[in-house]
Structures are given as structure tokens and as C-alpha cells.
Amino acid sequence: MAKNRVSLTEEQRRRNAEILARLRDEERRLFEETRALQQEWKTDSNRRRRERGQAM
């Protein structure tokens, strides 16, 4: 069965592009924050602090 082709208005295309751009920015920001947190936890002092906190 063939799918019907959907045609968007210029306004819908513009809004879709804005939404996709926002999602890409949010995804990039989350990726950078996650990477920063991983780097922070890799330091020895934080690792020791985390291990002591769990032992208590």
C-alpha cells in the first residue's frame, strides 16, 4: 500500500526547523555536561571522596 505524501506549509517547515535546531542544541549541551561530569569523577580526589561516602 502506498503512503500518502504530506505537504507542509512554509510556516510548518520553519517551525519544524526551529524545533529540530533546539533539540540538536539540547542534545549537544547534555552530551557536553555528561562528558564534563565523567571527567570530574575520574580525578583521584573525587574517586576517594565517593568511596569514603559509600563506606559510611
C-alpha atoms as a PDB file:
ATOM      1  CA  MET A   1       0.000   0.000   0.000  1.00  0.00           C
ATOM      2  CA  ALA A   2       1.396   3.396  -0.968  1.00  0.00           C
ATOM      3  CA  LYS A   3       1.754   6.066   1.674  1.00  0.00           C
ATOM      4  CA  ASN A   4       0.173   9.447   1.118  1.00  0.00           C
ATOM      5  CA  ARG A   5       2.641  12.249   0.654  1.00  0.00           C
ATOM      6  CA  VAL A   6       2.247  15.092   3.141  1.00  0.00           C
ATOM      7  CA  SER A   7       2.949  18.632   2.064  1.00  0.00           C
ATOM      8  CA  LEU A   8       3.862  21.158   4.717  1.00  0.00           C
ATOM      9  CA  THR A   9       3.331  24.873   4.533  1.00  0.00           C
ATOM     10  CA  GLU A  10       6.327  27.188   4.769  1.00  0.00           C
ATOM     11  CA  GLU A  11       5.280  28.096   8.324  1.00  0.00           C
ATOM     12  CA  GLN A  12       5.239  24.412   9.334  1.00  0.00           C
ATOM     13  CA  ARG A  13       8.643  23.830   7.736  1.00  0.00           C
ATOM     14  CA  ARG A  14      10.083  26.858   9.540  1.00  0.00           C
ATOM     15  CA  ARG A  15       8.676  25.729  12.902  1.00  0.00           C
ATOM     16  CA  ASN A  16       9.956  22.180  12.355  1.00  0.00           C
ATOM     17  CA  ALA A  17      13.422  23.527  11.556  1.00  0.00           C
ATOM     18  CA  GLU A  18      13.386  25.651  14.740  1.00  0.00           C
ATOM     19  CA  ILE A  19      12.312  22.696  16.862  1.00  0.00           C
ATOM     20  CA  LEU A  20      14.968  20.423  15.346  1.00  0.00           C
ATOM     21  CA  ALA A  21      17.644  23.062  15.911  1.00  0.00           C
ATOM     22  CA  ARG A  22      16.573  23.399  19.562  1.00  0.00           C
ATOM     23  CA  LEU A  23      16.704  19.623  20.006  1.00  0.00           C
ATOM     24  CA  ARG A  24      20.187  19.446  18.465  1.00  0.00           C
ATOM     25  CA  ASP A  25      21.392  22.207  20.806  1.00  0.00           C
ATOM     26  CA  GLU A  26      19.884  20.465  23.832  1.00  0.00           C
ATOM     27  CA  GLU A  27      21.427  17.129  22.830  1.00  0.00           C
ATOM     28  CA  ARG A  28      24.854  18.766  22.370  1.00  0.00           C
ATOM     29  CA  ARG A  29      24.576  20.551  25.736  1.00  0.00           C
ATOM     30  CA  LEU A  30      23.628  17.331  27.544  1.00  0.00           C
ATOM     31  CA  PHE A  31      26.494  15.496  25.849  1.00  0.00           C
ATOM     32  CA  GLU A  32      28.974  18.168  26.961  1.00  0.00           C
ATOM     33  CA  GLU A  33      27.636  18.193  30.538  1.00  0.00           C
ATOM     34  CA  THR A  34      27.820  14.407  30.746  1.00  0.00           C
ATOM     35  CA  ARG A  35      31.370  14.414  29.418  1.00  0.00           C
ATOM     36  CA  ALA A  36      32.349  17.084  31.983  1.00  0.00           C
ATOM     37  CA  LEU A  37      30.828  15.073  34.843  1.00  0.00           C
ATOM     38  CA  GLN A  38      32.637  11.936  33.704  1.00  0.00           C
ATOM     39  CA  GLN A  39      35.949  13.812  33.571  1.00  0.00           C
ATOM     40  CA  GLU A  40      35.305  15.288  37.025  1.00  0.00           C
ATOM     41  CA  TRP A  41      34.642  11.861  38.550  1.00  0.00           C
ATOM     42  CA  LYS A  42      37.816  10.437  37.006  1.00  0.00           C
ATOM     43  CA  THR A  43      40.038  12.565  39.236  1.00  0.00           C
ATOM     44  CA  ASP A  44      41.565  10.686  42.163  1.00  0.00           C
ATOM     45  CA  SER A  45      40.292  13.043  44.875  1.00  0.00           C
ATOM     46  CA  ASN A  46      36.699  12.671  43.752  1.00  0.00           C
ATOM     47  CA  ARG A  47      37.034   8.906  43.464  1.00  0.00           C
ATOM     48  CA  ARG A  48      38.363   8.708  47.034  1.00  0.00           C
ATOM     49  CA  ARG A  49      35.646  11.054  48.301  1.00  0.00           C
ATOM     50  CA  ARG A  50      32.971   8.917  46.616  1.00  0.00           C
ATOM     51  CA  GLU A  51      34.374   5.682  48.073  1.00  0.00           C
ATOM     52  CA  ARG A  52      34.527   7.147  51.595  1.00  0.00           C
ATOM     53  CA  GLY A  53      30.946   8.379  51.282  1.00  0.00           C
ATOM     54  CA  GLN A  54      29.679   4.905  50.431  1.00  0.00           C
ATOM     55  CA  ALA A  55      31.619   3.256  53.272  1.00  0.00           C
ATOM     56  CA  MET A  56      29.938   5.405  55.909  1.00  0.00           C
END
